[in-house]
N, C-alpha and C. Protein backbone atom coordinates (compact mmCIF):
# COMPACT_ATOMS: atom_id res chain seq x y z
N MET A 1 13.40 1.04 -7.76
CA MET A 1 12.25 1.38 -6.96
C MET A 1 11.17 0.33 -7.18
N LEU A 2 10.58 -0.16 -6.10
CA LEU A 2 9.59 -1.22 -6.19
C LEU A 2 8.38 -0.85 -5.34
N PHE A 3 7.21 -0.86 -5.96
CA PHE A 3 5.96 -0.63 -5.24
C PHE A 3 5.07 -1.83 -5.48
N LEU A 4 4.24 -2.18 -4.50
CA LEU A 4 3.41 -3.37 -4.59
C LEU A 4 1.93 -3.01 -4.59
N PHE A 5 1.17 -3.66 -5.47
CA PHE A 5 -0.25 -3.42 -5.55
C PHE A 5 -1.01 -3.93 -4.34
N PHE A 6 -0.50 -4.92 -3.65
CA PHE A 6 -1.23 -5.55 -2.55
C PHE A 6 -0.90 -4.94 -1.20
N SER A 7 -0.32 -3.76 -1.18
CA SER A 7 0.00 -3.10 0.09
C SER A 7 -1.27 -2.59 0.75
N ALA A 8 -1.33 -2.72 2.06
CA ALA A 8 -2.46 -2.21 2.84
C ALA A 8 -2.35 -0.69 2.94
N LYS A 9 -3.47 -0.04 3.18
CA LYS A 9 -3.48 1.42 3.29
C LYS A 9 -2.55 1.90 4.40
N ILE A 10 -2.48 1.17 5.50
CA ILE A 10 -1.59 1.55 6.60
C ILE A 10 -0.13 1.47 6.15
N GLU A 11 0.18 0.57 5.23
CA GLU A 11 1.55 0.48 4.71
C GLU A 11 1.87 1.69 3.84
N TRP A 12 0.89 2.16 3.07
CA TRP A 12 1.10 3.38 2.28
C TRP A 12 1.30 4.58 3.21
N VAL A 13 0.55 4.63 4.31
CA VAL A 13 0.72 5.71 5.28
C VAL A 13 2.13 5.64 5.88
N GLY A 14 2.60 4.45 6.18
CA GLY A 14 3.96 4.28 6.69
C GLY A 14 5.00 4.77 5.70
N LEU A 15 4.79 4.45 4.42
CA LEU A 15 5.72 4.93 3.39
C LEU A 15 5.70 6.45 3.33
N LEU A 16 4.50 7.03 3.39
CA LEU A 16 4.36 8.50 3.38
C LEU A 16 5.12 9.13 4.53
N GLU A 17 5.00 8.55 5.72
CA GLU A 17 5.63 9.15 6.89
C GLU A 17 7.13 8.92 6.98
N HIS A 18 7.58 7.76 6.51
CA HIS A 18 9.00 7.42 6.66
C HIS A 18 9.83 7.69 5.41
N HIS A 19 9.19 7.66 4.26
CA HIS A 19 9.89 7.89 2.99
C HIS A 19 9.01 8.71 2.05
N PRO A 20 8.77 9.97 2.40
CA PRO A 20 7.84 10.78 1.59
C PRO A 20 8.26 10.92 0.14
N GLU A 21 9.56 10.88 -0.14
CA GLU A 21 10.02 10.99 -1.53
C GLU A 21 9.59 9.76 -2.34
N LEU A 22 9.59 8.58 -1.74
CA LEU A 22 9.13 7.38 -2.44
C LEU A 22 7.61 7.40 -2.61
N PHE A 23 6.91 7.91 -1.61
CA PHE A 23 5.45 8.03 -1.71
C PHE A 23 5.10 8.95 -2.88
N GLU A 24 5.80 10.07 -3.00
CA GLU A 24 5.55 11.00 -4.11
C GLU A 24 5.88 10.35 -5.46
N ALA A 25 6.93 9.54 -5.49
CA ALA A 25 7.28 8.85 -6.73
C ALA A 25 6.18 7.86 -7.12
N ALA A 26 5.62 7.16 -6.14
CA ALA A 26 4.54 6.20 -6.42
C ALA A 26 3.30 6.91 -6.95
N LYS A 27 3.02 8.11 -6.41
CA LYS A 27 1.85 8.87 -6.85
C LYS A 27 1.94 9.21 -8.34
N LYS A 28 3.13 9.39 -8.85
CA LYS A 28 3.30 9.77 -10.26
C LYS A 28 2.86 8.65 -11.22
N TYR A 29 2.81 7.42 -10.74
CA TYR A 29 2.37 6.30 -11.58
C TYR A 29 0.85 6.21 -11.68
N GLU A 30 0.14 6.81 -10.74
CA GLU A 30 -1.32 6.75 -10.76
C GLU A 30 -1.85 7.66 -11.86
N LYS A 31 -2.89 7.19 -12.53
CA LYS A 31 -3.45 7.93 -13.66
C LYS A 31 -4.96 7.94 -13.62
N PHE A 32 -5.54 8.96 -14.24
CA PHE A 32 -6.98 9.05 -14.45
C PHE A 32 -7.20 9.23 -15.94
N ASP A 33 -7.91 8.29 -16.55
CA ASP A 33 -8.19 8.36 -17.99
C ASP A 33 -9.48 9.15 -18.18
N GLU A 34 -9.35 10.37 -18.67
CA GLU A 34 -10.52 11.24 -18.84
C GLU A 34 -11.51 10.70 -19.86
N LYS A 35 -11.03 9.97 -20.86
CA LYS A 35 -11.93 9.43 -21.89
C LYS A 35 -12.84 8.35 -21.32
N THR A 36 -12.27 7.45 -20.55
CA THR A 36 -13.06 6.31 -20.04
C THR A 36 -13.53 6.52 -18.60
N GLY A 37 -12.91 7.45 -17.89
CA GLY A 37 -13.25 7.68 -16.49
C GLY A 37 -12.60 6.66 -15.56
N LYS A 38 -11.74 5.80 -16.09
CA LYS A 38 -11.08 4.78 -15.26
C LYS A 38 -9.91 5.39 -14.51
N ARG A 39 -9.76 4.89 -13.29
CA ARG A 39 -8.63 5.29 -12.45
C ARG A 39 -7.67 4.12 -12.34
N PHE A 40 -6.39 4.42 -12.40
CA PHE A 40 -5.35 3.42 -12.22
C PHE A 40 -4.58 3.80 -10.97
N THR A 41 -4.87 3.10 -9.88
CA THR A 41 -4.29 3.44 -8.59
C THR A 41 -3.63 2.22 -7.94
N TRP A 42 -2.73 2.48 -7.01
CA TRP A 42 -2.05 1.40 -6.29
C TRP A 42 -3.00 0.69 -5.34
N SER A 43 -3.88 1.42 -4.75
CA SER A 43 -4.79 0.87 -3.75
C SER A 43 -6.19 0.81 -4.33
N GLU A 44 -6.86 -0.29 -4.12
CA GLU A 44 -8.20 -0.46 -4.66
C GLU A 44 -9.15 0.60 -4.11
N LYS A 45 -9.86 1.26 -4.99
CA LYS A 45 -10.91 2.22 -4.66
C LYS A 45 -10.41 3.54 -4.10
N GLU A 46 -9.10 3.76 -4.01
CA GLU A 46 -8.60 4.98 -3.39
C GLU A 46 -7.22 5.33 -3.95
N SER A 47 -7.06 6.58 -4.33
CA SER A 47 -5.76 7.03 -4.83
C SER A 47 -4.83 7.33 -3.65
N LEU A 48 -3.55 7.47 -3.94
CA LEU A 48 -2.60 7.82 -2.88
C LEU A 48 -2.85 9.23 -2.37
N ASP A 49 -3.36 10.13 -3.22
CA ASP A 49 -3.75 11.46 -2.74
C ASP A 49 -4.86 11.35 -1.70
N GLU A 50 -5.82 10.47 -1.95
CA GLU A 50 -6.94 10.27 -1.02
C GLU A 50 -6.46 9.61 0.27
N ILE A 51 -5.54 8.66 0.15
CA ILE A 51 -4.96 8.01 1.34
C ILE A 51 -4.19 9.05 2.16
N GLU A 52 -3.45 9.90 1.48
CA GLU A 52 -2.70 10.95 2.18
C GLU A 52 -3.63 11.88 2.94
N ALA A 53 -4.74 12.23 2.34
CA ALA A 53 -5.71 13.12 2.98
C ALA A 53 -6.37 12.47 4.20
N ARG A 54 -6.46 11.12 4.19
CA ARG A 54 -7.11 10.38 5.28
C ARG A 54 -6.11 9.70 6.22
N LYS A 55 -4.84 10.07 6.14
CA LYS A 55 -3.82 9.31 6.87
C LYS A 55 -4.09 9.20 8.37
N ASP A 56 -4.58 10.27 8.99
CA ASP A 56 -4.86 10.21 10.43
C ASP A 56 -6.00 9.24 10.74
N GLU A 57 -7.01 9.23 9.90
CA GLU A 57 -8.14 8.30 10.05
C GLU A 57 -7.68 6.85 9.88
N ILE A 58 -6.83 6.62 8.89
CA ILE A 58 -6.32 5.27 8.63
C ILE A 58 -5.48 4.79 9.81
N LYS A 59 -4.61 5.66 10.33
CA LYS A 59 -3.77 5.31 11.48
C LYS A 59 -4.61 5.02 12.70
N ALA A 60 -5.63 5.83 12.94
CA ALA A 60 -6.50 5.64 14.11
C ALA A 60 -7.23 4.31 14.02
N LYS A 61 -7.73 3.99 12.86
CA LYS A 61 -8.45 2.73 12.67
C LYS A 61 -7.52 1.55 12.89
N PHE A 62 -6.32 1.64 12.37
CA PHE A 62 -5.35 0.55 12.52
C PHE A 62 -4.95 0.39 13.98
N THR A 63 -4.76 1.48 14.69
CA THR A 63 -4.34 1.45 16.09
C THR A 63 -5.44 0.90 17.00
N LEU A 64 -6.69 1.20 16.68
CA LEU A 64 -7.80 0.77 17.52
C LEU A 64 -8.22 -0.68 17.31
N THR A 65 -7.78 -1.29 16.23
CA THR A 65 -8.14 -2.68 15.95
C THR A 65 -7.31 -3.61 16.82
N PRO A 66 -7.95 -4.44 17.64
CA PRO A 66 -7.18 -5.39 18.47
C PRO A 66 -6.31 -6.28 17.60
N ASN A 67 -5.11 -6.61 18.10
CA ASN A 67 -4.15 -7.40 17.33
C ASN A 67 -4.73 -8.70 16.81
N LYS A 68 -5.55 -9.38 17.60
CA LYS A 68 -6.08 -10.67 17.15
C LYS A 68 -7.04 -10.52 15.98
N GLU A 69 -7.58 -9.31 15.79
CA GLU A 69 -8.52 -9.09 14.69
C GLU A 69 -7.85 -8.53 13.44
N LYS A 70 -6.61 -8.11 13.56
CA LYS A 70 -5.92 -7.55 12.40
C LYS A 70 -5.61 -8.65 11.41
N LYS A 71 -5.91 -8.38 10.16
CA LYS A 71 -5.60 -9.34 9.11
C LYS A 71 -4.20 -9.06 8.59
N LYS A 72 -3.50 -10.11 8.25
CA LYS A 72 -2.19 -9.93 7.66
C LYS A 72 -2.36 -9.52 6.20
N THR A 73 -1.47 -8.67 5.74
CA THR A 73 -1.48 -8.34 4.33
C THR A 73 -0.90 -9.52 3.57
N LEU A 74 -1.16 -9.55 2.29
CA LEU A 74 -0.62 -10.63 1.46
C LEU A 74 0.89 -10.68 1.57
N MET A 75 1.54 -9.51 1.55
CA MET A 75 2.99 -9.48 1.62
C MET A 75 3.49 -10.04 2.95
N GLN A 76 2.84 -9.71 4.06
CA GLN A 76 3.25 -10.25 5.36
C GLN A 76 3.14 -11.77 5.36
N ALA A 77 2.06 -12.29 4.82
CA ALA A 77 1.87 -13.74 4.78
C ALA A 77 2.94 -14.41 3.93
N VAL A 78 3.25 -13.82 2.80
CA VAL A 78 4.26 -14.39 1.90
C VAL A 78 5.61 -14.40 2.58
N LEU A 79 5.98 -13.29 3.18
CA LEU A 79 7.31 -13.20 3.80
C LEU A 79 7.44 -14.11 5.01
N GLU A 80 6.38 -14.30 5.77
CA GLU A 80 6.44 -15.19 6.93
C GLU A 80 6.59 -16.65 6.52
N ASN A 81 6.11 -17.00 5.34
CA ASN A 81 6.16 -18.38 4.88
C ASN A 81 7.28 -18.62 3.88
N ASP A 82 8.15 -17.68 3.70
CA ASP A 82 9.24 -17.80 2.73
C ASP A 82 10.45 -18.43 3.42
N GLU A 83 10.68 -19.69 3.15
CA GLU A 83 11.77 -20.41 3.80
C GLU A 83 13.14 -19.97 3.29
N ASP A 84 13.20 -19.47 2.05
CA ASP A 84 14.47 -19.08 1.46
C ASP A 84 14.80 -17.60 1.65
N ASP A 85 13.88 -16.84 2.22
CA ASP A 85 14.04 -15.39 2.41
C ASP A 85 14.29 -14.66 1.08
N ASP A 86 13.74 -15.19 0.00
CA ASP A 86 13.93 -14.57 -1.30
C ASP A 86 12.81 -13.59 -1.65
N GLY A 87 11.73 -13.54 -0.91
CA GLY A 87 10.60 -12.71 -1.27
C GLY A 87 9.68 -13.47 -2.21
N CYS A 88 8.61 -12.85 -2.61
CA CYS A 88 7.65 -13.53 -3.47
C CYS A 88 8.11 -13.53 -4.92
N LEU A 89 7.50 -14.37 -5.73
CA LEU A 89 7.90 -14.47 -7.13
C LEU A 89 7.69 -13.16 -7.88
N ILE A 90 6.62 -12.45 -7.55
CA ILE A 90 6.37 -11.18 -8.22
C ILE A 90 7.53 -10.22 -7.98
N CYS A 91 8.02 -10.16 -6.75
CA CYS A 91 9.14 -9.25 -6.44
C CYS A 91 10.43 -9.67 -7.10
N MET A 92 10.54 -10.93 -7.45
CA MET A 92 11.78 -11.43 -8.05
C MET A 92 11.84 -11.19 -9.55
N LEU A 93 10.74 -10.76 -10.17
CA LEU A 93 10.74 -10.53 -11.62
C LEU A 93 11.60 -9.36 -11.99
């Protein structure tokens, strides 16, 4: 099982909708340290529970953004420029 820290929120929503069992597995890795108050989440500033609660909002925002204004995720950029089709170095570890 492989999850990536640089996934866009819309990609997490896609995982939730198409592979809910993997989404639930990813949620188990997220932690909240009660002593320090630090959160360890896959997505910056938002847990997967929070993304799940906002999935319709995230989908609507993604759908309404014109294609020319959409930014590529890091993973999309890496895969488009990968001449060997091996994926990024992080994924190969």
